Amino acid sequence: MADPRKLRVGMAGGGGPGNFFGGPHRRAILMDNTAELAAGALRSDPQGSLAAAKELFFTRGYPDYQTMIREESRLPAGERIDYVTIVTPNDSHYAIAKAALEAGISVLCEKPLTLTLDESLDLVRLVKQTGLPFTVAYSYTGLPMVMLARELVRAGEVGQVRKVEAWYPQGWLASPLEESGQQQASWRVDPARSGASGSGGDIGTHAYEFVRFVAEHTATQVQARLHTFVPGRRLDDDFSVFARLDNGAIATITASQITVGAQNDNGFRVIGDAGRVEWSMLDHMSLRLYRPGEPVAAYRLGAEYGYFPESIQPYLRLPSGHPEGFHEALANLHKSHQLQLRRALGEQVADAYPHPGVIDGAAGMAFVEACVASSQHDGAWTDVRQVG
């Protein structure tokens, strides 16, 4: 059996002023003291990238991701990075992930996976060819109560799934924030950097992943309406979809960035012929199960509760009443990725929970592509390409 060691993580992006996701991922990587920040190409400006790596205490800094991947792949096995975390805008996900996979380096990538479905399908091909772990950071699937909801549905607690409702409203783009030069707003409303859908690609994919991850069903056809309410904006800021699922069930999937006052109020209901399971980020430490003629069952987060199955127990950190939230969810995705790598290194570790991978990322892009096409044809029923 191999002696355990800290895994070495590289990061592409995430070091510039105004960047959001770099900080949460760095904290998530370090949370359990099982990995270290070994290499970084953190900004688009080469000198800024080197400076950011030094400021953030990365072991090695690089001027760009190409240099990082090339030089890291040349290092001895005992020194090079074990995986790279991609936290750049959407338009560079594909190039970085492709370069890493071709160099034999596994990937944890922010969502949406790529700009186009064709790019995502090429990454699916590369992952199958290399056998390398690949995780897509649908962060909310790392929350233990979302994982528990999945297990309850799998155990038949709601019976046959009839309907799924998934939603994700935000309000931060209710006005033309991009005109102020705000970095996060500017690239998210730019089709060249964000893709064919704004709110759908950015947060509608999170809502759709609830359908895939919790209910374990996928959309086969969609009727979609994408709206742009803020004058002059080039991408949709409101996204409404009605979907047929692969088991004959239906789903409503909505996302909005113009819902004034909303603060990432995402959630889901999975409705079956024997019950309903419901969760919301506004009360993320609770999960409710409704059964006909029975009191509502309220599950609460806590490492001491025996109703968490063995598959989830390694992802619980604190006793009940102590909040575990967004950073812990990201840490759980990194944990799943790291457990796969540790298995490959010969360590005896727990099984990794099946958090979203490259196929899930590609399925999200297939969903968005179909929704854009449907909306362009006045909400016509449109087939969703199946990815497997």
Protein backbone atom coordinates (compact mmCIF):
# COMPACT_ATOMS: atom_id res chain seq x y z
CA MET A 1 0.00 0.00 0.00
CA ALA A 2 1.32 3.43 -0.94
CA ASP A 3 2.06 5.90 1.86
CA PRO A 4 -0.49 8.73 1.81
CA ARG A 5 0.73 12.21 0.96
CA LYS A 6 -0.70 15.60 0.22
CA LEU A 7 -1.86 15.92 -3.36
CA ARG A 8 -0.44 18.76 -5.41
CA VAL A 9 -2.95 21.04 -7.14
CA GLY A 10 -2.45 23.50 -9.97
CA MET A 11 -4.83 26.37 -10.65
CA ALA A 12 -5.59 28.15 -13.92
CA GLY A 13 -7.16 31.56 -13.38
CA GLY A 14 -8.58 32.86 -10.14
CA GLY A 15 -5.88 35.32 -9.14
CA GLY A 16 -7.02 38.57 -10.68
CA PRO A 17 -8.74 41.45 -8.94
CA GLY A 18 -12.49 40.97 -9.03
CA ASN A 19 -12.28 37.21 -9.59
CA PHE A 20 -14.76 35.32 -7.46
CA PHE A 21 -14.18 31.60 -7.81
CA GLY A 22 -10.44 31.44 -7.24
CA GLY A 23 -10.72 32.24 -3.54
CA PRO A 24 -13.43 29.68 -2.69
CA HIS A 25 -11.59 26.94 -4.59
CA ARG A 26 -8.30 27.71 -2.84
CA ARG A 27 -10.00 27.55 0.54
CA ALA A 28 -11.77 24.34 -0.45
CA ILE A 29 -8.52 22.71 -1.59
CA LEU A 30 -6.85 23.50 1.73
CA MET A 31 -9.81 22.77 4.02
CA ASP A 32 -8.98 19.17 4.96
CA ASN A 33 -5.18 19.59 4.85
CA THR A 34 -4.96 16.82 2.26
CA ALA A 35 -3.71 18.92 -0.66
CA GLU A 36 -1.46 21.89 -1.35
CA LEU A 37 -1.39 24.78 -3.81
CA ALA A 38 1.58 23.68 -5.87
CA ALA A 39 1.36 25.55 -9.19
CA GLY A 40 -0.53 28.54 -10.49
CA ALA A 41 -1.11 30.40 -13.75
CA LEU A 42 -3.51 32.81 -12.15
CA ARG A 43 -3.94 35.80 -14.45
CA SER A 44 -4.04 36.51 -18.18
CA ASP A 45 -1.15 38.98 -17.80
CA PRO A 46 2.12 36.98 -17.52
CA GLN A 47 3.80 39.23 -14.97
CA GLY A 48 0.58 39.56 -13.03
CA SER A 49 0.25 35.79 -13.03
CA LEU A 50 3.71 35.35 -11.51
CA ALA A 51 3.03 38.05 -8.94
CA ALA A 52 -0.32 36.52 -7.94
CA ALA A 53 1.24 33.08 -7.42
CA LYS A 54 3.79 34.65 -5.09
CA GLU A 55 1.19 36.69 -3.22
CA LEU A 56 -1.02 33.62 -2.72
CA PHE A 57 1.86 31.33 -1.64
CA PHE A 58 1.76 28.86 -4.52
CA THR A 59 4.90 26.74 -4.60
CA ARG A 60 5.48 27.51 -8.29
CA GLY A 61 4.12 30.35 -10.40
CA TYR A 62 3.84 30.40 -14.19
CA PRO A 63 3.13 33.17 -16.72
CA ASP A 64 0.36 31.21 -18.46
CA TYR A 65 -1.41 27.86 -18.39
CA GLN A 66 0.51 26.52 -21.41
CA THR A 67 3.82 26.95 -19.58
CA MET A 68 2.38 25.51 -16.37
CA ILE A 69 1.09 22.34 -18.00
CA ARG A 70 4.23 21.86 -20.12
CA GLU A 71 6.67 22.36 -17.24
CA GLU A 72 4.63 20.43 -14.68
CA SER A 73 4.35 17.42 -16.99
CA ARG A 74 8.15 17.38 -17.28
CA LEU A 75 8.73 17.22 -13.52
CA PRO A 76 9.38 13.90 -11.75
CA ALA A 77 6.26 12.08 -10.56
CA GLY A 78 7.07 13.01 -6.98
CA GLU A 79 6.95 16.75 -7.73
CA ARG A 80 4.42 17.47 -10.48
CA ILE A 81 0.83 18.44 -9.87
CA ASP A 82 -1.78 15.72 -9.50
CA TYR A 83 -4.63 17.77 -10.99
CA VAL A 84 -5.47 21.23 -12.24
CA THR A 85 -8.43 23.36 -11.16
CA ILE A 86 -9.83 25.61 -13.90
CA VAL A 87 -11.52 28.82 -12.68
CA THR A 88 -11.23 31.01 -15.79
CA PRO A 89 -14.14 32.43 -17.82
CA ASN A 90 -15.96 29.89 -19.99
CA ASP A 91 -14.14 30.63 -23.24
CA SER A 92 -10.85 29.11 -22.04
CA HIS A 93 -12.15 26.02 -20.20
CA TYR A 94 -11.83 23.77 -23.23
CA ALA A 95 -8.30 24.74 -24.23
CA ILE A 96 -6.94 24.38 -20.69
CA ALA A 97 -8.74 21.11 -19.96
CA LYS A 98 -7.67 19.63 -23.30
CA ALA A 99 -4.03 20.59 -22.75
CA ALA A 100 -4.07 19.10 -19.24
CA LEU A 101 -5.65 15.82 -20.31
CA GLU A 102 -3.25 15.44 -23.21
CA ALA A 103 -0.39 15.96 -20.75
CA GLY A 104 -1.75 13.24 -18.44
CA ILE A 105 -3.07 15.65 -15.79
CA SER A 106 -6.58 15.22 -14.40
CA VAL A 107 -9.00 18.14 -14.21
CA LEU A 108 -11.54 19.79 -11.93
CA CYS A 109 -13.28 22.45 -14.03
CA GLU A 110 -15.80 25.17 -13.27
CA LYS A 111 -19.11 25.08 -15.12
CA PRO A 112 -20.45 25.42 -17.72
CA LEU A 113 -17.93 22.97 -19.07
CA THR A 114 -17.17 24.73 -22.39
CA LEU A 115 -18.51 27.30 -24.84
CA THR A 116 -20.03 24.70 -27.19
CA LEU A 117 -21.32 21.14 -27.09
CA ASP A 118 -18.73 20.03 -29.66
CA GLU A 119 -15.95 21.16 -27.32
CA SER A 120 -17.54 19.26 -24.43
CA LEU A 121 -17.87 16.11 -26.51
CA ASP A 122 -14.19 16.30 -27.38
CA LEU A 123 -13.36 16.42 -23.66
CA VAL A 124 -15.60 13.37 -23.12
CA ARG A 125 -13.56 11.60 -25.79
CA LEU A 126 -10.28 12.57 -24.14
CA VAL A 127 -11.41 11.46 -20.69
CA LYS A 128 -12.48 8.08 -22.04
CA GLN A 129 -9.18 7.80 -23.91
CA THR A 130 -6.97 8.72 -20.96
CA GLY A 131 -9.02 7.30 -18.09
CA LEU A 132 -8.20 10.38 -16.02
CA PRO A 133 -10.60 11.67 -13.34
CA PHE A 134 -12.57 14.73 -14.42
CA THR A 135 -14.91 16.68 -12.12
CA VAL A 136 -17.23 19.52 -13.07
CA ALA A 137 -17.84 21.99 -10.26
CA TYR A 138 -21.59 21.94 -9.91
CA SER A 139 -20.93 23.16 -6.40
CA TYR A 140 -24.35 22.58 -4.85
CA THR A 141 -24.14 18.84 -5.47
CA GLY A 142 -21.40 18.84 -2.83
CA LEU A 143 -23.83 19.89 -0.10
CA PRO A 144 -24.61 16.86 2.09
CA MET A 145 -28.36 17.51 2.12
CA VAL A 146 -28.43 17.50 -1.69
CA MET A 147 -26.49 14.24 -1.62
CA LEU A 148 -28.97 12.86 0.93
CA ALA A 149 -31.89 13.88 -1.31
CA ARG A 150 -30.32 11.85 -4.10
CA GLU A 151 -30.02 8.83 -1.81
CA LEU A 152 -33.66 9.11 -0.67
CA VAL A 153 -34.86 9.20 -4.28
CA ARG A 154 -32.63 6.25 -5.16
CA ALA A 155 -34.05 4.33 -2.18
CA GLY A 156 -37.58 4.78 -3.52
CA GLU A 157 -38.78 7.15 -0.81
CA VAL A 158 -40.75 9.23 -3.33
CA GLY A 159 -41.70 6.30 -5.56
CA GLN A 160 -41.73 6.70 -9.32
CA VAL A 161 -40.59 10.20 -10.27
CA ARG A 162 -43.38 12.12 -12.00
CA LYS A 163 -42.14 15.69 -11.95
CA VAL A 164 -39.06 17.71 -11.03
CA GLU A 165 -39.07 21.43 -10.32
CA ALA A 166 -35.67 23.14 -10.20
CA TRP A 167 -34.94 26.83 -9.94
CA TYR A 168 -32.14 29.34 -9.53
CA PRO A 169 -33.04 33.05 -9.25
CA GLN A 170 -30.53 35.86 -8.80
CA GLY A 171 -31.01 39.60 -8.93
CA TRP A 172 -27.55 41.04 -9.40
CA LEU A 173 -27.99 41.74 -13.15
CA ALA A 174 -31.39 43.45 -12.87
CA SER A 175 -29.68 46.64 -14.08
CA PRO A 176 -26.93 47.05 -16.73
CA LEU A 177 -24.10 46.37 -14.29
CA GLU A 178 -21.79 45.43 -17.15
CA GLU A 179 -21.75 49.07 -18.28
CA SER A 180 -19.87 49.97 -15.10
CA GLY A 181 -16.99 47.69 -16.08
CA GLN A 182 -17.67 45.22 -13.26
CA GLN A 183 -15.55 42.20 -14.22
CA GLN A 184 -17.94 39.37 -13.34
CA ALA A 185 -20.83 41.05 -15.14
CA SER A 186 -18.80 42.06 -18.20
CA TRP A 187 -17.68 38.62 -19.29
CA ARG A 188 -20.92 36.87 -18.33
CA VAL A 189 -22.96 38.96 -20.79
CA ASP A 190 -20.41 38.62 -23.61
CA PRO A 191 -21.31 35.75 -26.01
CA ALA A 192 -17.67 35.36 -27.03
CA ARG A 193 -16.64 34.61 -23.46
CA SER A 194 -19.80 33.15 -21.92
CA GLY A 195 -21.43 31.17 -24.73
CA ALA A 196 -24.83 31.13 -26.42
CA SER A 197 -26.85 31.61 -23.23
CA GLY A 198 -26.30 34.00 -20.32
CA SER A 199 -28.51 33.05 -17.37
CA GLY A 200 -29.12 29.59 -18.81
CA GLY A 201 -25.47 28.70 -19.15
CA ASP A 202 -24.38 30.37 -15.94
CA ILE A 203 -27.03 29.20 -13.47
CA GLY A 204 -29.66 27.32 -15.49
CA THR A 205 -27.12 24.52 -15.79
CA HIS A 206 -27.02 24.32 -11.98
CA ALA A 207 -30.81 23.91 -11.91
CA TYR A 208 -30.68 21.26 -14.63
CA GLU A 209 -27.96 19.39 -12.76
CA PHE A 210 -30.40 19.01 -9.83
CA VAL A 211 -32.62 17.05 -12.25
CA ARG A 212 -29.74 14.83 -13.32
CA PHE A 213 -28.01 14.43 -9.95
CA VAL A 214 -30.93 14.17 -7.52
CA ALA A 215 -33.66 12.62 -9.66
CA GLU A 216 -31.15 10.80 -11.93
CA HIS A 217 -33.11 11.62 -15.06
CA THR A 218 -32.18 13.59 -18.13
CA ALA A 219 -34.15 15.82 -20.50
CA THR A 220 -35.00 14.34 -23.89
CA GLN A 221 -36.99 17.32 -25.25
CA VAL A 222 -37.40 20.94 -24.19
CA GLN A 223 -39.65 23.92 -24.78
CA ALA A 224 -37.66 27.01 -23.81
CA ARG A 225 -38.14 30.75 -23.57
CA LEU A 226 -35.01 32.85 -23.15
CA HIS A 227 -35.60 36.53 -22.47
CA THR A 228 -33.35 39.57 -22.31
CA PHE A 229 -35.00 42.24 -20.17
CA VAL A 230 -32.14 44.73 -19.76
CA PRO A 231 -31.95 46.88 -22.93
CA GLY A 232 -28.78 46.40 -24.96
CA ARG A 233 -27.73 43.18 -23.23
CA ARG A 234 -26.55 40.56 -25.71
CA LEU A 235 -27.48 37.42 -23.79
CA ASP A 236 -30.55 36.21 -21.94
CA ASP A 237 -31.01 37.28 -18.34
CA ASP A 238 -34.08 35.11 -17.76
CA PHE A 239 -34.48 31.43 -18.67
CA SER A 240 -37.64 29.28 -18.49
CA VAL A 241 -37.80 25.67 -19.67
CA PHE A 242 -40.39 22.90 -19.75
CA ALA A 243 -38.79 19.49 -20.31
CA ARG A 244 -39.74 15.90 -20.99
CA LEU A 245 -37.53 13.46 -19.11
CA ASP A 246 -36.24 10.08 -20.14
CA ASN A 247 -38.71 8.18 -17.89
CA GLY A 248 -41.77 10.04 -19.16
CA ALA A 249 -41.76 12.53 -16.29
CA ILE A 250 -41.77 16.30 -16.77
CA ALA A 251 -39.57 19.05 -15.37
CA THR A 252 -39.69 22.80 -15.02
CA ILE A 253 -36.25 24.43 -14.96
CA THR A 254 -35.99 28.17 -14.42
CA ALA A 255 -33.15 30.61 -13.89
CA SER A 256 -33.09 34.37 -13.65
CA GLN A 257 -30.54 37.10 -13.05
CA ILE A 258 -33.10 39.92 -12.93
CA THR A 259 -35.18 38.70 -9.93
CA VAL A 260 -34.68 41.70 -7.66
CA GLY A 261 -33.76 40.68 -4.12
CA ALA A 262 -32.94 37.05 -4.89
CA GLN A 263 -29.65 35.82 -3.40
CA ASN A 264 -28.82 32.50 -5.04
CA ASP A 265 -32.19 31.17 -3.88
CA ASN A 266 -31.78 27.90 -5.75
CA GLY A 267 -33.49 24.61 -4.97
CA PHE A 268 -35.58 21.70 -6.18
CA ARG A 269 -38.59 19.47 -5.63
CA VAL A 270 -38.61 15.87 -6.79
CA ILE A 271 -42.21 14.69 -6.92
CA GLY A 272 -43.08 11.02 -7.17
CA ASP A 273 -46.18 8.86 -6.92
CA ALA A 274 -45.39 8.09 -3.26
CA GLY A 275 -43.93 11.32 -1.94
CA ARG A 276 -41.88 14.45 -2.49
CA VAL A 277 -38.41 15.56 -1.44
CA GLU A 278 -37.64 19.28 -1.28
CA TRP A 279 -34.57 21.42 -0.62
CA SER A 280 -33.64 25.10 -0.85
CA MET A 281 -30.34 26.91 -0.49
CA LEU A 282 -32.09 29.39 1.81
CA ASP A 283 -32.35 26.56 4.36
CA HIS A 284 -29.50 24.44 3.06
CA MET A 285 -28.95 22.44 6.26
CA SER A 286 -32.46 20.96 6.10
CA LEU A 287 -34.17 18.52 3.75
CA ARG A 288 -37.87 17.68 3.82
CA LEU A 289 -39.65 14.51 2.78
CA TYR A 290 -43.42 14.57 2.32
CA ARG A 291 -45.42 11.32 2.33
CA PRO A 292 -49.23 10.99 2.01
CA GLY A 293 -50.94 10.93 5.41
CA GLU A 294 -47.69 11.18 7.36
CA PRO A 295 -46.02 14.00 9.28
CA VAL A 296 -43.38 15.89 7.31
CA ALA A 297 -39.95 14.29 7.83
CA ALA A 298 -37.30 16.97 8.39
CA TYR A 299 -33.70 15.82 8.02
CA ARG A 300 -31.03 18.07 9.53
CA LEU A 301 -27.33 18.30 8.79
CA GLY A 302 -24.98 16.84 11.38
CA ALA A 303 -22.15 14.32 11.47
CA GLU A 304 -23.78 12.40 14.34
CA TYR A 305 -27.04 11.59 12.57
CA GLY A 306 -27.36 7.92 11.65
CA TYR A 307 -29.63 8.50 8.68
CA PHE A 308 -26.74 9.55 6.47
CA PRO A 309 -25.65 6.51 4.46
CA GLU A 310 -22.06 5.31 4.52
CA SER A 311 -21.44 6.87 1.10
CA ILE A 312 -22.03 10.38 2.53
CA GLN A 313 -20.47 10.04 5.99
CA PRO A 314 -16.89 10.88 4.85
CA TYR A 315 -18.22 14.24 3.60
CA LEU A 316 -19.63 15.37 6.97
CA ARG A 317 -17.36 17.48 9.16
CA LEU A 318 -19.32 19.00 12.07
CA PRO A 319 -21.98 18.16 14.68
CA SER A 320 -25.52 19.39 14.08
CA GLY A 321 -26.17 23.10 14.38
CA HIS A 322 -22.78 24.09 12.98
CA PRO A 323 -23.21 25.44 9.45
CA GLU A 324 -21.49 23.74 6.55
CA GLY A 325 -22.08 25.68 3.37
CA PHE A 326 -20.62 26.77 0.05
CA HIS A 327 -16.92 26.31 0.85
CA GLU A 328 -17.54 22.89 2.35
CA ALA A 329 -19.54 21.91 -0.74
CA LEU A 330 -16.62 22.84 -3.00
CA ALA A 331 -14.28 21.00 -0.64
CA ASN A 332 -16.47 17.92 -1.05
CA LEU A 333 -16.10 18.06 -4.84
CA HIS A 334 -12.33 18.32 -4.43
CA LYS A 335 -12.52 15.45 -1.93
CA SER A 336 -14.29 13.22 -4.45
CA HIS A 337 -11.73 14.10 -7.11
CA GLN A 338 -8.86 13.44 -4.72
CA LEU A 339 -10.28 10.09 -3.59
CA GLN A 340 -10.27 8.93 -7.21
CA LEU A 341 -6.64 9.99 -7.56
CA ARG A 342 -5.65 8.34 -4.28
CA ARG A 343 -7.19 5.07 -5.43
CA ALA A 344 -5.07 5.28 -8.58
CA LEU A 345 -2.00 5.83 -6.37
CA GLY A 346 -2.77 2.61 -4.51
CA GLU A 347 -4.06 4.15 -1.28
CA GLN A 348 -6.82 2.42 0.65
CA VAL A 349 -9.45 5.15 0.88
CA ALA A 350 -13.21 5.48 0.89
CA ASP A 351 -15.07 5.29 -2.39
CA ALA A 352 -15.56 8.67 -4.04
CA TYR A 353 -19.15 9.87 -4.15
CA PRO A 354 -20.32 10.12 -7.80
CA HIS A 355 -20.26 13.88 -8.10
CA PRO A 356 -20.70 15.38 -11.59
CA GLY A 357 -18.07 14.49 -14.16
CA VAL A 358 -17.30 15.28 -17.77
CA ILE A 359 -20.44 13.55 -19.09
CA ASP A 360 -22.59 15.65 -16.77
CA GLY A 361 -20.81 18.77 -17.99
CA ALA A 362 -21.42 17.80 -21.60
CA ALA A 363 -25.05 16.97 -20.83
CA GLY A 364 -25.45 20.47 -19.43
CA MET A 365 -24.13 21.92 -22.69
CA ALA A 366 -26.48 19.69 -24.72
CA PHE A 367 -29.37 20.99 -22.61
CA VAL A 368 -28.37 24.63 -23.13
CA GLU A 369 -27.88 24.11 -26.86
CA ALA A 370 -31.37 22.62 -27.19
CA CYS A 371 -32.91 25.41 -25.09
CA VAL A 372 -31.31 28.13 -27.23
CA ALA A 373 -32.57 26.43 -30.40
CA SER A 374 -36.08 26.01 -28.96
CA SER A 375 -36.28 29.64 -27.92
CA GLN A 376 -35.12 30.77 -31.35
CA HIS A 377 -38.05 28.80 -32.83
CA ASP A 378 -40.72 30.34 -30.59
CA GLY A 379 -40.52 27.64 -27.92
CA ALA A 380 -40.89 24.67 -30.26
CA TRP A 381 -40.28 21.21 -28.84
CA THR A 382 -36.58 20.49 -29.46
CA ASP A 383 -34.68 17.24 -28.96
CA VAL A 384 -31.82 17.24 -26.48
CA ARG A 385 -28.75 15.38 -27.69
CA GLN A 386 -28.01 12.49 -25.35
CA VAL A 387 -24.46 12.23 -24.03
CA GLY A 388 -23.01 9.04 -22.66
